[in-house]
Amino acid sequence: MTRDKSKSAADFLTALNADPAYVKKRGAQEDARVLRGAEISLITRPLLQELAEAGYPVTSLDDLLTRYAPLPPAIVTLLLDSLSEVTDTAVQEQMVRALGASAGAFDGTSLITVFQNTHSAGLQYAIANTMAQADVRDAAHWILDAVQNPANGTARQMLALAAARRNPPMLANPVLLELLDDLPGHVALALAESGQLSELEALETKYTTTAGWEKQQIGRAISAIRRRLDETT
């Protein structure tokens, strides 16, 4: 049976490679990939040169995390300075994700500006994720506003976590509770870190009406909050 399947797969690939339309399409896709790679290389060249001059030589932005994470302040500064000058969303996303590995705190103004000016949901999500991962300063109140705005789409998932991490519980938790019905799983992730007794009660009620991944996260949040309350009594 296995040999027959292997033979069928091999025959299928042979037939595909003999199809001129398929070969042409595959060639066009490869050409587009190469062209896009060259375009990204051209866009990132000035930043890579600045990084090399600062003592951090890399061949690509992906190489930054491999070689230098957690990123020192000099690299973070160069990324932030270049972020406002780049308009390609794919390159911006690479830069933003790299900032998530910053070794120290940095000002979040540039991230907020890019988030507000882009139409890319992927880039907005990456910014929200970085705000949750890195110690982003001067963004706490903006995060609370942004997570409540339905227009921000899936980025709100990571903004919920960022809200809990960048704000004191007395500010973040009431907002998160208001979003429990909209974002139950991600709000639970956030409240696992900041929730107290009132949040525990809300999560226990929500637990009975959810299922799957969301129910699992709510259950974990309930356990985390109970442990935290036990430690303080």
C-alpha atoms as a PDB file:
ATOM      1  CA  MET A   1       0.000   0.000   0.000  1.00  0.00           C
ATOM      2  CA  THR A   2       2.836   2.402   0.877  1.00  0.00           C
ATOM      3  CA  ARG A   3       4.655   1.646  -2.378  1.00  0.00           C
ATOM      4  CA  ASP A   4       1.492   2.296  -4.369  1.00  0.00           C
ATOM      5  CA  LYS A   5       1.003   5.646  -2.649  1.00  0.00           C
ATOM      6  CA  SER A   6       4.627   6.591  -3.255  1.00  0.00           C
ATOM      7  CA  LYS A   7       4.333   5.628  -6.877  1.00  0.00           C
ATOM      8  CA  SER A   8       1.141   7.643  -7.248  1.00  0.00           C
ATOM      9  CA  ALA A   9       2.790  10.700  -5.695  1.00  0.00           C
ATOM     10  CA  ALA A  10       5.829  10.330  -7.942  1.00  0.00           C
ATOM     11  CA  ASP A  11       3.615   9.954 -10.997  1.00  0.00           C
ATOM     12  CA  PHE A  12       1.661  13.027  -9.984  1.00  0.00           C
ATOM     13  CA  LEU A  13       4.827  15.118  -9.632  1.00  0.00           C
ATOM     14  CA  THR A  14       6.127  13.835 -12.952  1.00  0.00           C
ATOM     15  CA  ALA A  15       2.885  14.834 -14.622  1.00  0.00           C
ATOM     16  CA  LEU A  16       2.982  18.268 -13.015  1.00  0.00           C
ATOM     17  CA  ASN A  17       6.544  18.899 -14.144  1.00  0.00           C
ATOM     18  CA  ALA A  18       5.563  17.934 -17.668  1.00  0.00           C
ATOM     19  CA  ASP A  19       2.721  20.445 -17.673  1.00  0.00           C
ATOM     20  CA  PRO A  20       3.905  23.672 -19.392  1.00  0.00           C
ATOM     21  CA  ALA A  21       1.320  25.793 -17.568  1.00  0.00           C
ATOM     22  CA  TYR A  22       2.459  24.501 -14.175  1.00  0.00           C
ATOM     23  CA  VAL A  23       6.127  24.958 -15.020  1.00  0.00           C
ATOM     24  CA  LYS A  24       5.446  28.506 -16.182  1.00  0.00           C
ATOM     25  CA  LYS A  25       3.494  29.324 -13.021  1.00  0.00           C
ATOM     26  CA  ARG A  26       6.189  27.834 -10.806  1.00  0.00           C
ATOM     27  CA  GLY A  27       8.830  29.829 -12.626  1.00  0.00           C
ATOM     28  CA  ALA A  28       6.835  33.022 -12.205  1.00  0.00           C
ATOM     29  CA  GLN A  29       6.441  32.367  -8.486  1.00  0.00           C
ATOM     30  CA  GLU A  30      10.176  31.767  -8.114  1.00  0.00           C
ATOM     31  CA  ASP A  31      10.940  34.946 -10.066  1.00  0.00           C
ATOM     32  CA  ALA A  32       8.579  36.897  -7.802  1.00  0.00           C
ATOM     33  CA  ARG A  33      10.230  35.432  -4.696  1.00  0.00           C
ATOM     34  CA  VAL A  34      13.686  36.372  -5.906  1.00  0.00           C
ATOM     35  CA  LEU A  35      12.527  39.859  -6.882  1.00  0.00           C
ATOM     36  CA  ARG A  36      10.893  40.387  -3.496  1.00  0.00           C
ATOM     37  CA  GLY A  37      14.049  39.223  -1.741  1.00  0.00           C
ATOM     38  CA  ALA A  38      16.111  41.704  -3.734  1.00  0.00           C
ATOM     39  CA  GLU A  39      13.629  44.472  -2.913  1.00  0.00           C
ATOM     40  CA  ILE A  40      13.817  43.765   0.827  1.00  0.00           C
ATOM     41  CA  SER A  41      17.601  43.616   0.641  1.00  0.00           C
ATOM     42  CA  LEU A  42      17.663  47.052  -0.995  1.00  0.00           C
ATOM     43  CA  ILE A  43      15.289  48.538   1.599  1.00  0.00           C
ATOM     44  CA  THR A  44      17.233  47.182   4.574  1.00  0.00           C
ATOM     45  CA  ARG A  45      20.702  47.967   3.220  1.00  0.00           C
ATOM     46  CA  PRO A  46      21.055  51.403   4.920  1.00  0.00           C
ATOM     47  CA  LEU A  47      20.053  49.967   8.306  1.00  0.00           C
ATOM     48  CA  LEU A  48      22.365  46.975   7.938  1.00  0.00           C
ATOM     49  CA  GLN A  49      25.218  49.353   7.109  1.00  0.00           C
ATOM     50  CA  GLU A  50      24.483  51.432  10.209  1.00  0.00           C
ATOM     51  CA  LEU A  51      24.383  48.291  12.330  1.00  0.00           C
ATOM     52  CA  ALA A  52      27.738  47.171  10.928  1.00  0.00           C
ATOM     53  CA  GLU A  53      29.271  50.570  11.638  1.00  0.00           C
ATOM     54  CA  ALA A  54      27.986  50.344  15.211  1.00  0.00           C
ATOM     55  CA  GLY A  55      29.715  46.986  15.627  1.00  0.00           C
ATOM     56  CA  TYR A  56      26.805  44.667  14.894  1.00  0.00           C
ATOM     57  CA  PRO A  57      27.325  43.188  11.422  1.00  0.00           C
ATOM     58  CA  VAL A  58      24.450  41.061  10.110  1.00  0.00           C
ATOM     59  CA  THR A  59      23.362  39.873   6.684  1.00  0.00           C
ATOM     60  CA  SER A  60      19.641  40.368   7.371  1.00  0.00           C
ATOM     61  CA  LEU A  61      17.256  41.596  10.049  1.00  0.00           C
ATOM     62  CA  ASP A  62      16.442  37.991  10.940  1.00  0.00           C
ATOM     63  CA  ASP A  63      20.112  37.575  11.765  1.00  0.00           C
ATOM     64  CA  LEU A  64      19.805  40.150  14.560  1.00  0.00           C
ATOM     65  CA  LEU A  65      17.918  37.811  16.856  1.00  0.00           C
ATOM     66  CA  THR A  66      20.179  34.885  16.102  1.00  0.00           C
ATOM     67  CA  ARG A  67      23.355  36.787  16.916  1.00  0.00           C
ATOM     68  CA  TYR A  68      22.515  39.561  19.369  1.00  0.00           C
ATOM     69  CA  ALA A  69      19.305  38.838  21.316  1.00  0.00           C
ATOM     70  CA  PRO A  70      18.533  40.166  23.840  1.00  0.00           C
ATOM     71  CA  LEU A  71      19.207  43.296  21.821  1.00  0.00           C
ATOM     72  CA  PRO A  72      21.440  45.982  23.379  1.00  0.00           C
ATOM     73  CA  PRO A  73      20.320  49.648  23.451  1.00  0.00           C
ATOM     74  CA  ALA A  74      22.428  50.633  20.434  1.00  0.00           C
ATOM     75  CA  ILE A  75      20.587  48.178  18.161  1.00  0.00           C
ATOM     76  CA  VAL A  76      17.193  49.159  19.582  1.00  0.00           C
ATOM     77  CA  THR A  77      17.913  52.836  18.908  1.00  0.00           C
ATOM     78  CA  LEU A  78      18.873  52.141  15.303  1.00  0.00           C
ATOM     79  CA  LEU A  79      15.732  50.071  14.757  1.00  0.00           C
ATOM     80  CA  LEU A  80      13.490  52.756  16.213  1.00  0.00           C
ATOM     81  CA  ASP A  81      15.156  55.503  14.177  1.00  0.00           C
ATOM     82  CA  SER A  82      14.734  53.515  10.973  1.00  0.00           C
ATOM     83  CA  LEU A  83      11.180  52.369  11.689  1.00  0.00           C
ATOM     84  CA  SER A  84       9.687  55.753  10.842  1.00  0.00           C
ATOM     85  CA  GLU A  85      11.666  55.966   7.594  1.00  0.00           C
ATOM     86  CA  VAL A  86      10.625  52.582   6.167  1.00  0.00           C
ATOM     87  CA  THR A  87       7.242  52.223   4.467  1.00  0.00           C
ATOM     88  CA  ASP A  88       7.379  48.559   3.429  1.00  0.00           C
ATOM     89  CA  THR A  89       5.115  46.728   5.888  1.00  0.00           C
ATOM     90  CA  ALA A  90       6.995  43.416   5.653  1.00  0.00           C
ATOM     91  CA  VAL A  91      10.267  45.117   6.575  1.00  0.00           C
ATOM     92  CA  GLN A  92       8.576  47.119   9.321  1.00  0.00           C
ATOM     93  CA  GLU A  93       7.188  43.892  10.735  1.00  0.00           C
ATOM     94  CA  GLN A  94      10.684  42.358  10.835  1.00  0.00           C
ATOM     95  CA  MET A  95      11.961  45.413  12.690  1.00  0.00           C
ATOM     96  CA  VAL A  96       9.069  45.439  15.142  1.00  0.00           C
ATOM     97  CA  ARG A  97       9.446  41.739  15.955  1.00  0.00           C
ATOM     98  CA  ALA A  98      13.156  42.273  16.555  1.00  0.00           C
ATOM     99  CA  LEU A  99      12.322  45.059  19.023  1.00  0.00           C
ATOM    100  CA  GLY A 100      10.388  42.511  21.043  1.00  0.00           C
ATOM    101  CA  ALA A 101      13.758  41.046  22.025  1.00  0.00           C
ATOM    102  CA  SER A 102      15.081  44.313  23.491  1.00  0.00           C
ATOM    103  CA  ALA A 103      17.219  43.832  26.581  1.00  0.00           C
ATOM    104  CA  GLY A 104      15.895  47.007  28.177  1.00  0.00           C
ATOM    105  CA  ALA A 105      13.036  49.476  28.159  1.00  0.00           C
ATOM    106  CA  PHE A 106      12.448  51.808  25.228  1.00  0.00           C
ATOM    107  CA  ASP A 107      10.008  54.535  24.242  1.00  0.00           C
ATOM    108  CA  GLY A 108       6.896  53.223  22.500  1.00  0.00           C
ATOM    109  CA  THR A 109       6.017  56.389  20.560  1.00  0.00           C
ATOM    110  CA  SER A 110       7.364  55.096  17.247  1.00  0.00           C
ATOM    111  CA  LEU A 111       5.425  51.848  17.584  1.00  0.00           C
ATOM    112  CA  ILE A 112       2.209  53.746  18.295  1.00  0.00           C
ATOM    113  CA  THR A 113       2.715  55.986  15.280  1.00  0.00           C
ATOM    114  CA  VAL A 114       3.270  53.058  12.938  1.00  0.00           C
ATOM    115  CA  PHE A 115       0.284  51.183  14.385  1.00  0.00           C
ATOM    116  CA  GLN A 116      -2.009  54.146  13.803  1.00  0.00           C
ATOM    117  CA  ASN A 117      -0.767  54.828  10.274  1.00  0.00           C
ATOM    118  CA  THR A 118      -0.715  51.311   8.826  1.00  0.00           C
ATOM    119  CA  HIS A 119      -3.537  49.348   7.198  1.00  0.00           C
ATOM    120  CA  SER A 120      -1.684  46.056   7.706  1.00  0.00           C
ATOM    121  CA  ALA A 121      -3.367  43.835  10.279  1.00  0.00           C
ATOM    122  CA  GLY A 122      -0.215  41.712  10.411  1.00  0.00           C
ATOM    123  CA  LEU A 123       1.955  44.704  11.279  1.00  0.00           C
ATOM    124  CA  GLN A 124      -0.509  45.891  13.918  1.00  0.00           C
ATOM    125  CA  TYR A 125      -0.505  42.434  15.487  1.00  0.00           C
ATOM    126  CA  ALA A 126       3.307  42.395  15.505  1.00  0.00           C
ATOM    127  CA  ILE A 127       3.371  45.792  17.239  1.00  0.00           C
ATOM    128  CA  ALA A 128       0.868  44.623  19.853  1.00  0.00           C
ATOM    129  CA  ASN A 129       2.940  41.485  20.422  1.00  0.00           C
ATOM    130  CA  THR A 130       6.108  43.533  20.891  1.00  0.00           C
ATOM    131  CA  MET A 131       4.309  45.792  23.359  1.00  0.00           C
ATOM    132  CA  ALA A 132       3.430  42.676  25.330  1.00  0.00           C
ATOM    133  CA  GLN A 133       6.935  41.195  25.133  1.00  0.00           C
ATOM    134  CA  ALA A 134       9.189  44.218  25.614  1.00  0.00           C
ATOM    135  CA  ASP A 135       9.297  46.876  28.328  1.00  0.00           C
ATOM    136  CA  VAL A 136       7.695  49.626  26.246  1.00  0.00           C
ATOM    137  CA  ARG A 137       7.498  53.019  27.955  1.00  0.00           C
ATOM    138  CA  ASP A 138       4.978  55.850  27.530  1.00  0.00           C
ATOM    139  CA  ALA A 139       2.441  53.573  25.878  1.00  0.00           C
ATOM    140  CA  ALA A 140       0.381  52.315  28.806  1.00  0.00           C
ATOM    141  CA  HIS A 141      -2.644  54.587  28.434  1.00  0.00           C
ATOM    142  CA  TRP A 142      -2.645  54.241  24.658  1.00  0.00           C
ATOM    143  CA  ILE A 143      -2.708  50.459  25.015  1.00  0.00           C
ATOM    144  CA  LEU A 144      -5.776  50.668  27.263  1.00  0.00           C
ATOM    145  CA  ASP A 145      -7.578  52.765  24.669  1.00  0.00           C
ATOM    146  CA  ALA A 146      -6.453  50.653  21.716  1.00  0.00           C
ATOM    147  CA  VAL A 147      -7.497  47.308  23.199  1.00  0.00           C
ATOM    148  CA  GLN A 148     -11.056  48.621  23.556  1.00  0.00           C
ATOM    149  CA  ASN A 149     -11.322  49.682  19.915  1.00  0.00           C
ATOM    150  CA  PRO A 150     -12.929  46.924  17.782  1.00  0.00           C
ATOM    151  CA  ALA A 151     -11.370  48.496  14.681  1.00  0.00           C
ATOM    152  CA  ASN A 152      -8.005  47.192  15.837  1.00  0.00           C
ATOM    153  CA  GLY A 153      -9.044  43.630  15.007  1.00  0.00           C
ATOM    154  CA  THR A 154      -6.884  40.699  16.027  1.00  0.00           C
ATOM    155  CA  ALA A 155      -4.196  43.011  17.408  1.00  0.00           C
ATOM    156  CA  ARG A 156      -6.474  43.433  20.418  1.00  0.00           C
ATOM    157  CA  GLN A 157      -5.592  39.878  21.442  1.00  0.00           C
ATOM    158  CA  MET A 158      -2.004  40.816  22.222  1.00  0.00           C
ATOM    159  CA  LEU A 159      -2.970  44.310  23.366  1.00  0.00           C
ATOM    160  CA  ALA A 160      -4.939  42.629  26.160  1.00  0.00           C
ATOM    161  CA  LEU A 161      -1.751  41.019  27.424  1.00  0.00           C
ATOM    162  CA  ALA A 162       0.162  44.265  26.943  1.00  0.00           C
ATOM    163  CA  ALA A 163      -2.504  46.115  28.934  1.00  0.00           C
ATOM    164  CA  ALA A 164      -1.924  43.880  31.950  1.00  0.00           C
ATOM    165  CA  ARG A 165       1.845  44.133  31.704  1.00  0.00           C
ATOM    166  CA  ARG A 166       2.202  47.879  31.073  1.00  0.00           C
ATOM    167  CA  ASN A 167      -0.444  49.136  33.505  1.00  0.00           C
ATOM    168  CA  PRO A 168      -1.077  48.653  37.223  1.00  0.00           C
ATOM    169  CA  PRO A 169      -3.873  46.147  37.953  1.00  0.00           C
ATOM    170  CA  MET A 170      -6.189  48.873  39.255  1.00  0.00           C
ATOM    171  CA  LEU A 171      -6.229  50.398  35.752  1.00  0.00           C
ATOM    172  CA  ALA A 172      -5.902  47.322  33.557  1.00  0.00           C
ATOM    173  CA  ASN A 173      -8.234  44.856  35.248  1.00  0.00           C
ATOM    174  CA  PRO A 174     -11.518  46.820  34.946  1.00  0.00           C
ATOM    175  CA  VAL A 175     -10.845  47.304  31.228  1.00  0.00           C
ATOM    176  CA  LEU A 176      -9.991  43.638  30.754  1.00  0.00           C
ATOM    177  CA  LEU A 177     -13.163  42.535  32.513  1.00  0.00           C
ATOM    178  CA  GLU A 178     -15.178  44.632  30.069  1.00  0.00           C
ATOM    179  CA  LEU A 179     -13.531  42.690  27.239  1.00  0.00           C
ATOM    180  CA  LEU A 180     -13.995  39.226  28.713  1.00  0.00           C
ATOM    181  CA  ASP A 181     -16.906  38.387  26.413  1.00  0.00           C
ATOM    182  CA  ASP A 182     -15.107  39.686  23.294  1.00  0.00           C
ATOM    183  CA  LEU A 183     -11.663  38.200  23.973  1.00  0.00           C
ATOM    184  CA  PRO A 184     -12.155  35.506  26.612  1.00  0.00           C
ATOM    185  CA  GLY A 185      -9.005  33.487  25.974  1.00  0.00           C
ATOM    186  CA  HIS A 186      -6.608  36.406  25.706  1.00  0.00           C
ATOM    187  CA  VAL A 187      -8.197  38.337  28.555  1.00  0.00           C
ATOM    188  CA  ALA A 188      -7.733  35.197  30.661  1.00  0.00           C
ATOM    189  CA  LEU A 189      -4.049  35.110  29.685  1.00  0.00           C
ATOM    190  CA  ALA A 190      -3.730  38.705  30.851  1.00  0.00           C
ATOM    191  CA  LEU A 191      -5.688  38.263  34.071  1.00  0.00           C
ATOM    192  CA  ALA A 192      -3.577  35.234  34.948  1.00  0.00           C
ATOM    193  CA  GLU A 193      -0.837  37.810  35.544  1.00  0.00           C
ATOM    194  CA  SER A 194      -2.829  40.679  37.072  1.00  0.00           C
ATOM    195  CA  GLY A 195      -6.179  39.340  38.277  1.00  0.00           C
ATOM    196  CA  GLN A 196      -7.407  39.560  41.862  1.00  0.00           C
ATOM    197  CA  LEU A 197     -10.535  38.389  43.705  1.00  0.00           C
ATOM    198  CA  SER A 198     -13.114  40.270  41.616  1.00  0.00           C
ATOM    199  CA  GLU A 199     -11.521  39.043  38.400  1.00  0.00           C
ATOM    200  CA  LEU A 200     -11.447  35.504  39.784  1.00  0.00           C
ATOM    201  CA  GLU A 201     -15.197  35.577  40.321  1.00  0.00           C
ATOM    202  CA  ALA A 202     -15.827  36.841  36.788  1.00  0.00           C
ATOM    203  CA  LEU A 203     -13.594  34.162  35.303  1.00  0.00           C
ATOM    204  CA  GLU A 204     -15.272  31.406  37.294  1.00  0.00           C
ATOM    205  CA  THR A 205     -18.637  32.507  35.900  1.00  0.00           C
ATOM    206  CA  LYS A 206     -17.278  32.705  32.347  1.00  0.00           C
ATOM    207  CA  TYR A 207     -15.672  29.273  32.654  1.00  0.00           C
ATOM    208  CA  THR A 208     -19.067  27.569  32.686  1.00  0.00           C
ATOM    209  CA  THR A 209     -20.069  28.988  29.283  1.00  0.00           C
ATOM    210  CA  THR A 210     -16.885  28.465  27.270  1.00  0.00           C
ATOM    211  CA  ALA A 211     -15.184  25.532  25.573  1.00  0.00           C
ATOM    212  CA  GLY A 212     -11.959  24.495  23.890  1.00  0.00           C
ATOM    213  CA  TRP A 213      -8.853  26.701  24.032  1.00  0.00           C
ATOM    214  CA  GLU A 214     -10.705  29.574  25.671  1.00  0.00           C
ATOM    215  CA  LYS A 215     -11.989  27.375  28.502  1.00  0.00           C
ATOM    216  CA  GLN A 216      -8.472  25.994  28.978  1.00  0.00           C
ATOM    217  CA  GLN A 217      -6.984  29.492  29.314  1.00  0.00           C
ATOM    218  CA  ILE A 218      -9.709  30.612  31.692  1.00  0.00           C
ATOM    219  CA  GLY A 219      -9.083  27.533  33.826  1.00  0.00           C
ATOM    220  CA  ARG A 220      -5.376  28.304  33.960  1.00  0.00           C
ATOM    221  CA  ALA A 221      -6.068  31.912  34.884  1.00  0.00           C
ATOM    222  CA  ILE A 222      -8.376  30.816  37.700  1.00  0.00           C
ATOM    223  CA  SER A 223      -5.648  28.548  39.083  1.00  0.00           C
ATOM    224  CA  ALA A 224      -3.009  31.279  38.807  1.00  0.00           C
ATOM    225  CA  ILE A 225      -5.160  33.847  40.594  1.00  0.00           C
ATOM    226  CA  ARG A 226      -6.074  31.389  43.350  1.00  0.00           C
ATOM    227  CA  ARG A 227      -2.393  30.664  43.962  1.00  0.00           C
ATOM    228  CA  ARG A 228      -1.623  34.371  44.071  1.00  0.00           C
ATOM    229  CA  LEU A 229      -4.434  35.031  46.546  1.00  0.00           C
ATOM    230  CA  ASP A 230      -3.304  32.126  48.717  1.00  0.00           C
ATOM    231  CA  GLU A 231       0.216  33.564  48.854  1.00  0.00           C
ATOM    232  CA  THR A 232      -1.072  36.926  50.095  1.00  0.00           C
ATOM    233  CA  THR A 233      -3.298  35.543  52.869  1.00  0.00           C
END
